[in-house]
Amino acid sequence: MPAIERVTLFKIPKESDRQLHIEQYGILAQSAQKDGKAYIHNLTVGQPHQDQRAKGWNLAVKSTYESLADMEYYDKQCPAHAELKKITSPTREESMVVFYENAL
């Protein structure tokens, strides 16, 4: 089965809050575990280049999971993700998530 690729976009008004998100994703990358093992295979985060096509989305996160079950664990049960959301959620206006299996 192909890996699950997840893209999350955020609208975060303050630059300092965008930096907070980046720091917290760095912590998440080191601490997220399922059954005692790292389960996020790849995690990248960054601010998009200035471009009108971004439509106000100013922070992007891409993560890769071995399975849909692993991504669902991330969404619903992962203590590291819960902690990230607790810290960062108040600082953002909006978020959008899409996920897919690579068709190539």
PDB file of N, CA and C in Angstrom:
ATOM      1  N   MET A   1       0.839  -1.175   0.000  1.00  0.00           N
ATOM      2  CA  MET A   1       0.000   0.000   0.000  1.00  0.00           C
ATOM      3  C   MET A   1       0.889   1.245   0.000  1.00  0.00           C
ATOM      4  N   PRO A   2       0.574   2.244  -0.832  1.00  0.00           N
ATOM      5  CA  PRO A   2       1.364   3.477  -0.873  1.00  0.00           C
ATOM      6  C   PRO A   2       1.249   4.259   0.436  1.00  0.00           C
ATOM      7  N   ALA A   3       2.246   5.040   0.707  1.00  0.00           N
ATOM      8  CA  ALA A   3       2.247   5.896   1.892  1.00  0.00           C
ATOM      9  C   ALA A   3       1.163   6.959   1.785  1.00  0.00           C
ATOM     10  N   ILE A   4       0.757   7.479   2.929  1.00  0.00           N
ATOM     11  CA  ILE A   4      -0.200   8.578   2.992  1.00  0.00           C
ATOM     12  C   ILE A   4       0.586   9.879   3.123  1.00  0.00           C
ATOM     13  N   GLU A   5       0.350  10.795   2.216  1.00  0.00           N
ATOM     14  CA  GLU A   5       0.948  12.125   2.251  1.00  0.00           C
ATOM     15  C   GLU A   5      -0.118  13.090   2.759  1.00  0.00           C
ATOM     16  N   ARG A   6       0.245  13.912   3.719  1.00  0.00           N
ATOM     17  CA  ARG A   6      -0.703  14.867   4.311  1.00  0.00           C
ATOM     18  C   ARG A   6      -0.120  16.266   4.195  1.00  0.00           C
ATOM     19  N   VAL A   7      -0.934  17.190   3.716  1.00  0.00           N
ATOM     20  CA  VAL A   7      -0.533  18.588   3.605  1.00  0.00           C
ATOM     21  C   VAL A   7      -1.492  19.422   4.446  1.00  0.00           C
ATOM     22  N   THR A   8      -0.927  20.201   5.347  1.00  0.00           N
ATOM     23  CA  THR A   8      -1.713  21.089   6.197  1.00  0.00           C
ATOM     24  C   THR A   8      -1.255  22.514   5.940  1.00  0.00           C
ATOM     25  N   LEU A   9      -2.219  23.397   5.709  1.00  0.00           N
ATOM     26  CA  LEU A   9      -1.924  24.814   5.500  1.00  0.00           C
ATOM     27  C   LEU A   9      -2.561  25.620   6.622  1.00  0.00           C
ATOM     28  N   PHE A  10      -1.873  26.678   7.026  1.00  0.00           N
ATOM     29  CA  PHE A  10      -2.361  27.537   8.096  1.00  0.00           C
ATOM     30  C   PHE A  10      -2.371  28.990   7.654  1.00  0.00           C
ATOM     31  N   LYS A  11      -3.310  29.743   8.232  1.00  0.00           N
ATOM     32  CA  LYS A  11      -3.296  31.203   8.174  1.00  0.00           C
ATOM     33  C   LYS A  11      -3.029  31.673   9.597  1.00  0.00           C
ATOM     34  N   ILE A  12      -1.835  32.230   9.797  1.00  0.00           N
ATOM     35  CA  ILE A  12      -1.377  32.655  11.119  1.00  0.00           C
ATOM     36  C   ILE A  12      -0.941  34.110  10.994  1.00  0.00           C
ATOM     37  N   PRO A  13      -1.682  35.042  11.586  1.00  0.00           N
ATOM     38  CA  PRO A  13      -1.390  36.461  11.365  1.00  0.00           C
ATOM     39  C   PRO A  13      -0.003  36.926  11.793  1.00  0.00           C
ATOM     40  N   LYS A  14       0.472  36.514  12.962  1.00  0.00           N
ATOM     41  CA  LYS A  14       1.736  37.043  13.489  1.00  0.00           C
ATOM     42  C   LYS A  14       2.925  36.170  13.110  1.00  0.00           C
ATOM     43  N   GLU A  15       3.990  36.836  12.705  1.00  0.00           N
ATOM     44  CA  GLU A  15       5.235  36.132  12.390  1.00  0.00           C
ATOM     45  C   GLU A  15       5.744  35.345  13.593  1.00  0.00           C
ATOM     46  N   SER A  16       5.661  35.934  14.772  1.00  0.00           N
ATOM     47  CA  SER A  16       6.137  35.243  15.972  1.00  0.00           C
ATOM     48  C   SER A  16       5.343  33.953  16.221  1.00  0.00           C
ATOM     49  N   ASP A  17       4.071  33.962  15.882  1.00  0.00           N
ATOM     50  CA  ASP A  17       3.255  32.757  16.043  1.00  0.00           C
ATOM     51  C   ASP A  17       3.592  31.705  14.982  1.00  0.00           C
ATOM     52  N   ARG A  18       3.974  32.159  13.783  1.00  0.00           N
ATOM     53  CA  ARG A  18       4.433  31.200  12.775  1.00  0.00           C
ATOM     54  C   ARG A  18       5.707  30.520  13.251  1.00  0.00           C
ATOM     55  N   GLN A  19       6.596  31.291  13.869  1.00  0.00           N
ATOM     56  CA  GLN A  19       7.828  30.713  14.413  1.00  0.00           C
ATOM     57  C   GLN A  19       7.521  29.735  15.550  1.00  0.00           C
ATOM     58  N   LEU A  20       6.522  30.052  16.362  1.00  0.00           N
ATOM     59  CA  LEU A  20       6.089  29.138  17.416  1.00  0.00           C
ATOM     60  C   LEU A  20       5.643  27.810  16.818  1.00  0.00           C
ATOM     61  N   HIS A  21       4.861  27.858  15.749  1.00  0.00           N
ATOM     62  CA  HIS A  21       4.426  26.628  15.073  1.00  0.00           C
ATOM     63  C   HIS A  21       5.629  25.819  14.588  1.00  0.00           C
ATOM     64  N   ILE A  22       6.583  26.499  13.953  1.00  0.00           N
ATOM     65  CA  ILE A  22       7.766  25.804  13.434  1.00  0.00           C
ATOM     66  C   ILE A  22       8.522  25.123  14.574  1.00  0.00           C
ATOM     67  N   GLU A  23       8.700  25.836  15.671  1.00  0.00           N
ATOM     68  CA  GLU A  23       9.385  25.246  16.834  1.00  0.00           C
ATOM     69  C   GLU A  23       8.629  24.033  17.365  1.00  0.00           C
ATOM     70  N   GLN A  24       7.322  24.146  17.464  1.00  0.00           N
ATOM     71  CA  GLN A  24       6.522  23.054  18.011  1.00  0.00           C
ATOM     72  C   GLN A  24       6.517  21.845  17.076  1.00  0.00           C
ATOM     73  N   TYR A  25       6.523  22.066  15.770  1.00  0.00           N
ATOM     74  CA  TYR A  25       6.634  20.930  14.843  1.00  0.00           C
ATOM     75  C   TYR A  25       7.999  20.264  14.954  1.00  0.00           C
ATOM     76  N   GLY A  26       9.035  21.047  15.266  1.00  0.00           N
ATOM     77  CA  GLY A  26      10.348  20.453  15.507  1.00  0.00           C
ATOM     78  C   GLY A  26      10.334  19.530  16.723  1.00  0.00           C
ATOM     79  N   ILE A  27       9.652  19.957  17.763  1.00  0.00           N
ATOM     80  CA  ILE A  27       9.500  19.119  18.959  1.00  0.00           C
ATOM     81  C   ILE A  27       8.689  17.872  18.615  1.00  0.00           C
ATOM     82  N   LEU A  28       7.610  18.052  17.872  1.00  0.00           N
ATOM     83  CA  LEU A  28       6.767  16.925  17.463  1.00  0.00           C
ATOM     84  C   LEU A  28       7.572  15.900  16.674  1.00  0.00           C
ATOM     85  N   ALA A  29       8.413  16.372  15.771  1.00  0.00           N
ATOM     86  CA  ALA A  29       9.215  15.460  14.941  1.00  0.00           C
ATOM     87  C   ALA A  29      10.093  14.555  15.796  1.00  0.00           C
ATOM     88  N   GLN A  30      10.533  15.061  16.942  1.00  0.00           N
ATOM     89  CA  GLN A  30      11.401  14.278  17.822  1.00  0.00           C
ATOM     90  C   GLN A  30      10.633  13.402  18.808  1.00  0.00           C
ATOM     91  N   SER A  31       9.385  13.789  19.106  1.00  0.00           N
ATOM     92  CA  SER A  31       8.688  13.122  20.211  1.00  0.00           C
ATOM     93  C   SER A  31       7.507  12.245  19.814  1.00  0.00           C
ATOM     94  N   ALA A  32       6.979  12.389  18.613  1.00  0.00           N
ATOM     95  CA  ALA A  32       5.791  11.620  18.220  1.00  0.00           C
ATOM     96  C   ALA A  32       6.128  10.141  18.071  1.00  0.00           C
ATOM     97  N   GLN A  33       5.454   9.301  18.859  1.00  0.00           N
ATOM     98  CA  GLN A  33       5.671   7.857  18.805  1.00  0.00           C
ATOM     99  C   GLN A  33       4.342   7.112  18.869  1.00  0.00           C
ATOM    100  N   LYS A  34       4.346   5.954  18.262  1.00  0.00           N
ATOM    101  CA  LYS A  34       3.226   5.028  18.331  1.00  0.00           C
ATOM    102  C   LYS A  34       3.827   3.662  18.655  1.00  0.00           C
ATOM    103  N   ASP A  35       3.331   3.031  19.686  1.00  0.00           N
ATOM    104  CA  ASP A  35       3.873   1.741  20.123  1.00  0.00           C
ATOM    105  C   ASP A  35       5.380   1.816  20.383  1.00  0.00           C
ATOM    106  N   GLY A  36       5.823   2.960  20.925  1.00  0.00           N
ATOM    107  CA  GLY A  36       7.220   3.117  21.288  1.00  0.00           C
ATOM    108  C   GLY A  36       8.181   3.413  20.148  1.00  0.00           C
ATOM    109  N   LYS A  37       7.626   3.648  18.933  1.00  0.00           N
ATOM    110  CA  LYS A  37       8.483   3.914  17.769  1.00  0.00           C
ATOM    111  C   LYS A  37       7.989   5.148  17.022  1.00  0.00           C
ATOM    112  N   ALA A  38       8.933   5.829  16.375  1.00  0.00           N
ATOM    113  CA  ALA A  38       8.550   6.948  15.509  1.00  0.00           C
ATOM    114  C   ALA A  38       7.664   6.419  14.387  1.00  0.00           C
ATOM    115  N   TYR A  39       6.604   7.125  14.074  1.00  0.00           N
ATOM    116  CA  TYR A  39       5.690   6.645  13.035  1.00  0.00           C
ATOM    117  C   TYR A  39       5.438   7.677  11.938  1.00  0.00           C
ATOM    118  N   ILE A  40       5.926   8.895  12.108  1.00  0.00           N
ATOM    119  CA  ILE A  40       5.851   9.900  11.047  1.00  0.00           C
ATOM    120  C   ILE A  40       7.145   9.751  10.251  1.00  0.00           C
ATOM    121  N   HIS A  41       7.023   9.321   8.998  1.00  0.00           N
ATOM    122  CA  HIS A  41       8.212   8.990   8.211  1.00  0.00           C
ATOM    123  C   HIS A  41       8.941  10.208   7.673  1.00  0.00           C
ATOM    124  N   ASN A  42       8.221  11.281   7.446  1.00  0.00           N
ATOM    125  CA  ASN A  42       8.850  12.509   6.970  1.00  0.00           C
ATOM    126  C   ASN A  42       7.977  13.673   7.424  1.00  0.00           C
ATOM    127  N   LEU A  43       8.603  14.732   7.884  1.00  0.00           N
ATOM    128  CA  LEU A  43       7.865  15.912   8.319  1.00  0.00           C
ATOM    129  C   LEU A  43       8.642  17.142   7.882  1.00  0.00           C
ATOM    130  N   THR A  44       7.994  17.997   7.102  1.00  0.00           N
ATOM    131  CA  THR A  44       8.606  19.251   6.683  1.00  0.00           C
ATOM    132  C   THR A  44       7.650  20.381   7.011  1.00  0.00           C
ATOM    133  N   VAL A  45       8.201  21.537   7.316  1.00  0.00           N
ATOM    134  CA  VAL A  45       7.393  22.715   7.639  1.00  0.00           C
ATOM    135  C   VAL A  45       8.116  23.947   7.133  1.00  0.00           C
ATOM    136  N   GLY A  46       7.362  24.915   6.639  1.00  0.00           N
ATOM    137  CA  GLY A  46       7.993  26.142   6.181  1.00  0.00           C
ATOM    138  C   GLY A  46       6.968  27.178   5.761  1.00  0.00           C
ATOM    139  N   GLN A  47       7.472  28.394   5.610  1.00  0.00           N
ATOM    140  CA  GLN A  47       6.638  29.490   5.145  1.00  0.00           C
ATOM    141  C   GLN A  47       6.750  29.591   3.630  1.00  0.00           C
ATOM    142  N   PRO A  48       5.619  29.631   2.936  1.00  0.00           N
ATOM    143  CA  PRO A  48       5.661  29.722   1.473  1.00  0.00           C
ATOM    144  C   PRO A  48       6.299  31.032   1.007  1.00  0.00           C
ATOM    145  N   HIS A  49       6.861  30.985  -0.176  1.00  0.00           N
ATOM    146  CA  HIS A  49       7.339  32.210  -0.800  1.00  0.00           C
ATOM    147  C   HIS A  49       6.142  33.100  -1.075  1.00  0.00           C
ATOM    148  N   GLN A  50       6.374  34.406  -1.063  1.00  0.00           N
ATOM    149  CA  GLN A  50       5.305  35.360  -1.352  1.00  0.00           C
ATOM    150  C   GLN A  50       4.794  35.118  -2.776  1.00  0.00           C
ATOM    151  N   ASP A  51       3.508  34.864  -2.884  1.00  0.00           N
ATOM    152  CA  ASP A  51       2.903  34.588  -4.188  1.00  0.00           C
ATOM    153  C   ASP A  51       1.392  34.749  -4.040  1.00  0.00           C
ATOM    154  N   GLN A  52       0.768  35.404  -4.990  1.00  0.00           N
ATOM    155  CA  GLN A  52      -0.679  35.630  -4.895  1.00  0.00           C
ATOM    156  C   GLN A  52      -1.471  34.330  -4.871  1.00  0.00           C
ATOM    157  N   ARG A  53      -0.921  33.259  -5.418  1.00  0.00           N
ATOM    158  CA  ARG A  53      -1.635  31.982  -5.432  1.00  0.00           C
ATOM    159  C   ARG A  53      -1.759  31.366  -4.041  1.00  0.00           C
ATOM    160  N   ALA A  54      -0.959  31.836  -3.083  1.00  0.00           N
ATOM    161  CA  ALA A  54      -1.020  31.308  -1.711  1.00  0.00           C
ATOM    162  C   ALA A  54      -2.327  31.700  -1.012  1.00  0.00           C
ATOM    163  N   LYS A  55      -2.964  32.753  -1.469  1.00  0.00           N
ATOM    164  CA  LYS A  55      -4.272  33.188  -0.964  1.00  0.00           C
ATOM    165  C   LYS A  55      -4.324  33.315   0.562  1.00  0.00           C
ATOM    166  N   GLY A  56      -3.234  33.811   1.134  1.00  0.00           N
ATOM    167  CA  GLY A  56      -3.213  34.063   2.570  1.00  0.00           C
ATOM    168  C   GLY A  56      -2.705  32.915   3.426  1.00  0.00           C
ATOM    169  N   TRP A  57      -2.554  31.730   2.841  1.00  0.00           N
ATOM    170  CA  TRP A  57      -1.987  30.610   3.602  1.00  0.00           C
ATOM    171  C   TRP A  57      -0.504  30.908   3.786  1.00  0.00           C
ATOM    172  N   ASN A  58      -0.034  30.963   5.035  1.00  0.00           N
ATOM    173  CA  ASN A  58       1.336  31.415   5.252  1.00  0.00           C
ATOM    174  C   ASN A  58       2.215  30.454   6.053  1.00  0.00           C
ATOM    175  N   LEU A  59       1.736  29.233   6.265  1.00  0.00           N
ATOM    176  CA  LEU A  59       2.590  28.183   6.822  1.00  0.00           C
ATOM    177  C   LEU A  59       2.109  26.853   6.268  1.00  0.00           C
ATOM    178  N   ALA A  60       3.052  26.025   5.823  1.00  0.00           N
ATOM    179  CA  ALA A  60       2.714  24.729   5.233  1.00  0.00           C
ATOM    180  C   ALA A  60       3.461  23.624   5.971  1.00  0.00           C
ATOM    181  N   VAL A  61       2.749  22.508   6.174  1.00  0.00           N
ATOM    182  CA  VAL A  61       3.335  21.333   6.817  1.00  0.00           C
ATOM    183  C   VAL A  61       3.020  20.128   5.943  1.00  0.00           C
ATOM    184  N   LYS A  62       4.026  19.313   5.663  1.00  0.00           N
ATOM    185  CA  LYS A  62       3.823  18.073   4.908  1.00  0.00           C
ATOM    186  C   LYS A  62       4.354  16.919   5.747  1.00  0.00           C
ATOM    187  N   SER A  63       3.519  15.909   5.910  1.00  0.00           N
ATOM    188  CA  SER A  63       3.932  14.743   6.689  1.00  0.00           C
ATOM    189  C   SER A  63       3.587  13.469   5.926  1.00  0.00           C
ATOM    190  N   THR A  64       4.353  12.419   6.190  1.00  0.00           N
ATOM    191  CA  THR A  64       4.184  11.141   5.504  1.00  0.00           C
ATOM    192  C   THR A  64       3.999  10.043   6.538  1.00  0.00           C
ATOM    193  N   TYR A  65       2.995   9.205   6.296  1.00  0.00           N
ATOM    194  CA  TYR A  65       2.662   8.087   7.188  1.00  0.00           C
ATOM    195  C   TYR A  65       2.637   6.797   6.389  1.00  0.00           C
ATOM    196  N   GLU A  66       2.968   5.718   7.033  1.00  0.00           N
ATOM    197  CA  GLU A  66       2.956   4.411   6.372  1.00  0.00           C
ATOM    198  C   GLU A  66       1.541   3.980   5.994  1.00  0.00           C
ATOM    199  N   SER A  67       0.556   4.414   6.792  1.00  0.00           N
ATOM    200  CA  SER A  67      -0.815   3.958   6.552  1.00  0.00           C
ATOM    201  C   SER A  67      -1.812   5.021   6.989  1.00  0.00           C
ATOM    202  N   LEU A  68      -3.040   4.866   6.524  1.00  0.00           N
ATOM    203  CA  LEU A  68      -4.125   5.736   6.955  1.00  0.00           C
ATOM    204  C   LEU A  68      -4.348   5.582   8.462  1.00  0.00           C
ATOM    205  N   ALA A  69      -4.191   4.370   8.980  1.00  0.00           N
ATOM    206  CA  ALA A  69      -4.340   4.135  10.421  1.00  0.00           C
ATOM    207  C   ALA A  69      -3.320   4.963  11.213  1.00  0.00           C
ATOM    208  N   ASP A  70      -2.096   5.073  10.715  1.00  0.00           N
ATOM    209  CA  ASP A  70      -1.090   5.888  11.397  1.00  0.00           C
ATOM    210  C   ASP A  70      -1.484   7.363  11.383  1.00  0.00           C
ATOM    211  N   MET A  71      -2.009   7.846  10.255  1.00  0.00           N
ATOM    212  CA  MET A  71      -2.433   9.239  10.193  1.00  0.00           C
ATOM    213  C   MET A  71      -3.622   9.476  11.118  1.00  0.00           C
ATOM    214  N   GLU A  72      -4.541   8.529  11.192  1.00  0.00           N
ATOM    215  CA  GLU A  72      -5.681   8.668  12.096  1.00  0.00           C
ATOM    216  C   GLU A  72      -5.225   8.665  13.555  1.00  0.00           C
ATOM    217  N   TYR A  73      -4.208   7.868  13.870  1.00  0.00           N
ATOM    218  CA  TYR A  73      -3.626   7.891  15.216  1.00  0.00           C
ATOM    219  C   TYR A  73      -3.094   9.298  15.508  1.00  0.00           C
ATOM    220  N   TYR A  74      -2.397   9.872  14.546  1.00  0.00           N
ATOM    221  CA  TYR A  74      -1.862  11.226  14.685  1.00  0.00           C
ATOM    222  C   TYR A  74      -2.988  12.209  14.997  1.00  0.00           C
ATOM    223  N   ASP A  75      -4.074  12.119  14.250  1.00  0.00           N
ATOM    224  CA  ASP A  75      -5.201  13.040  14.434  1.00  0.00           C
ATOM    225  C   ASP A  75      -5.904  12.863  15.774  1.00  0.00           C
ATOM    226  N   LYS A  76      -6.095  11.643  16.205  1.00  0.00           N
ATOM    227  CA  LYS A  76      -7.009  11.376  17.318  1.00  0.00           C
ATOM    228  C   LYS A  76      -6.364  10.941  18.624  1.00  0.00           C
ATOM    229  N   GLN A  77      -5.140  10.384  18.578  1.00  0.00           N
ATOM    230  CA  GLN A  77      -4.593   9.784  19.789  1.00  0.00           C
ATOM    231  C   GLN A  77      -3.177  10.211  20.151  1.00  0.00           C
ATOM    232  N   CYS A  78      -2.441  10.756  19.256  1.00  0.00           N
ATOM    233  CA  CYS A  78      -1.020  11.067  19.494  1.00  0.00           C
ATOM    234  C   CYS A  78      -0.869  12.167  20.563  1.00  0.00           C
ATOM    235  N   PRO A  79      -0.249  11.838  21.703  1.00  0.00           N
ATOM    236  CA  PRO A  79      -0.051  12.851  22.740  1.00  0.00           C
ATOM    237  C   PRO A  79       0.811  14.035  22.278  1.00  0.00           C
ATOM    238  N   ALA A  80       1.804  13.779  21.447  1.00  0.00           N
ATOM    239  CA  ALA A  80       2.667  14.864  20.956  1.00  0.00           C
ATOM    240  C   ALA A  80       1.877  15.826  20.074  1.00  0.00           C
ATOM    241  N   HIS A  81       0.981  15.298  19.238  1.00  0.00           N
ATOM    242  CA  HIS A  81       0.149  16.160  18.387  1.00  0.00           C
ATOM    243  C   HIS A  81      -0.855  16.923  19.234  1.00  0.00           C
ATOM    244  N   ALA A  82      -1.426  16.271  20.258  1.00  0.00           N
ATOM    245  CA  ALA A  82      -2.366  16.945  21.156  1.00  0.00           C
ATOM    246  C   ALA A  82      -1.684  18.134  21.842  1.00  0.00           C
ATOM    247  N   GLU A  83      -0.448  17.946  22.267  1.00  0.00           N
ATOM    248  CA  GLU A  83       0.302  19.021  22.919  1.00  0.00           C
ATOM    249  C   GLU A  83       0.576  20.153  21.931  1.00  0.00           C
ATOM    250  N   LEU A  84       0.967  19.820  20.701  1.00  0.00           N
ATOM    251  CA  LEU A  84       1.193  20.840  19.679  1.00  0.00           C
ATOM    252  C   LEU A  84      -0.071  21.658  19.462  1.00  0.00           C
ATOM    253  N   LYS A  85      -1.210  20.986  19.323  1.00  0.00           N
ATOM    254  CA  LYS A  85      -2.477  21.697  19.091  1.00  0.00           C
ATOM    255  C   LYS A  85      -2.834  22.588  20.270  1.00  0.00           C
ATOM    256  N   LYS A  86      -2.606  22.114  21.496  1.00  0.00           N
ATOM    257  CA  LYS A  86      -2.923  22.896  22.688  1.00  0.00           C
ATOM    258  C   LYS A  86      -2.142  24.216  22.689  1.00  0.00           C
ATOM    259  N   ILE A  87      -0.884  24.152  22.278  1.00  0.00           N
ATOM    260  CA  ILE A  87      -0.015  25.328  22.294  1.00  0.00           C
ATOM    261  C   ILE A  87      -0.291  26.255  21.115  1.00  0.00           C
ATOM    262  N   THR A  88      -0.524  25.693  19.929  1.00  0.00           N
ATOM    263  CA  THR A  88      -0.576  26.518  18.713  1.00  0.00           C
ATOM    264  C   THR A  88      -1.981  26.928  18.257  1.00  0.00           C
ATOM    265  N   SER A  89      -2.990  26.159  18.597  1.00  0.00           N
ATOM    266  CA  SER A  89      -4.338  26.449  18.086  1.00  0.00           C
ATOM    267  C   SER A  89      -4.825  27.876  18.343  1.00  0.00           C
ATOM    268  N   PRO A  90      -4.571  28.432  19.519  1.00  0.00           N
ATOM    269  CA  PRO A  90      -5.071  29.800  19.753  1.00  0.00           C
ATOM    270  C   PRO A  90      -4.441  30.858  18.853  1.00  0.00           C
ATOM    271  N   THR A  91      -3.346  30.548  18.191  1.00  0.00           N
ATOM    272  CA  THR A  91      -2.609  31.560  17.430  1.00  0.00           C
ATOM    273  C   THR A  91      -2.964  31.583  15.950  1.00  0.00           C
ATOM    274  N   ARG A  92      -3.798  30.684  15.493  1.00  0.00           N
ATOM    275  CA  ARG A  92      -4.079  30.637  14.059  1.00  0.00           C
ATOM    276  C   ARG A  92      -5.542  30.973  13.766  1.00  0.00           C
ATOM    277  N   GLU A  93      -5.743  31.530  12.577  1.00  0.00           N
ATOM    278  CA  GLU A  93      -7.087  31.886  12.152  1.00  0.00           C
ATOM    279  C   GLU A  93      -7.802  30.721  11.474  1.00  0.00           C
ATOM    280  N   GLU A  94      -7.045  29.962  10.700  1.00  0.00           N
ATOM    281  CA  GLU A  94      -7.676  28.936   9.870  1.00  0.00           C
ATOM    282  C   GLU A  94      -6.651  27.870   9.512  1.00  0.00           C
ATOM    283  N   SER A  95      -7.149  26.662   9.263  1.00  0.00           N
ATOM    284  CA  SER A  95      -6.279  25.598   8.766  1.00  0.00           C
ATOM    285  C   SER A  95      -7.044  24.779   7.736  1.00  0.00           C
ATOM    286  N   MET A  96      -6.279  24.101   6.889  1.00  0.00           N
ATOM    287  CA  MET A  96      -6.850  23.248   5.859  1.00  0.00           C
ATOM    288  C   MET A  96      -5.967  22.011   5.745  1.00  0.00           C
ATOM    289  N   VAL A  97      -6.575  20.845   5.646  1.00  0.00           N
ATOM    290  CA  VAL A  97      -5.833  19.588   5.543  1.00  0.00           C
ATOM    291  C   VAL A  97      -6.318  18.809   4.331  1.00  0.00           C
ATOM    292  N   VAL A  98      -5.373  18.274   3.561  1.00  0.00           N
ATOM    293  CA  VAL A  98      -5.680  17.291   2.520  1.00  0.00           C
ATOM    294  C   VAL A  98      -4.688  16.150   2.679  1.00  0.00           C
ATOM    295  N   PHE A  99      -5.130  14.946   2.345  1.00  0.00           N
ATOM    296  CA  PHE A  99      -4.211  13.806   2.382  1.00  0.00           C
ATOM    297  C   PHE A  99      -4.537  12.900   1.219  1.00  0.00           C
ATOM    298  N   TYR A 100      -3.508  12.154   0.782  1.00  0.00           N
ATOM    299  CA  TYR A 100      -3.645  11.355  -0.437  1.00  0.00           C
ATOM    300  C   TYR A 100      -2.599  10.265  -0.460  1.00  0.00           C
ATOM    301  N   GLU A 101      -2.818   9.288  -1.324  1.00  0.00           N
ATOM    302  CA  GLU A 101      -1.807   8.286  -1.642  1.00  0.00           C
ATOM    303  C   GLU A 101      -1.163   8.703  -2.954  1.00  0.00           C
ATOM    304  N   ASN A 102       0.148   8.664  -3.011  1.00  0.00           N
ATOM    305  CA  ASN A 102       0.863   9.053  -4.219  1.00  0.00           C
ATOM    306  C   ASN A 102       0.461   8.134  -5.371  1.00  0.00           C
ATOM    307  N   ALA A 103       0.012   8.720  -6.461  1.00  0.00           N
ATOM    308  CA  ALA A 103      -0.465   7.950  -7.606  1.00  0.00           C
ATOM    309  C   ALA A 103       0.649   7.626  -8.608  1.00  0.00           C
ATOM    310  N   LEU A 104       1.846   8.143  -8.369  1.00  0.00           N
ATOM    311  CA  LEU A 104       2.947   7.886  -9.322  1.00  0.00           C
ATOM    312  C   LEU A 104       3.730   6.656  -8.946  1.00  0.00           C
TER     313      LEU A 104
END
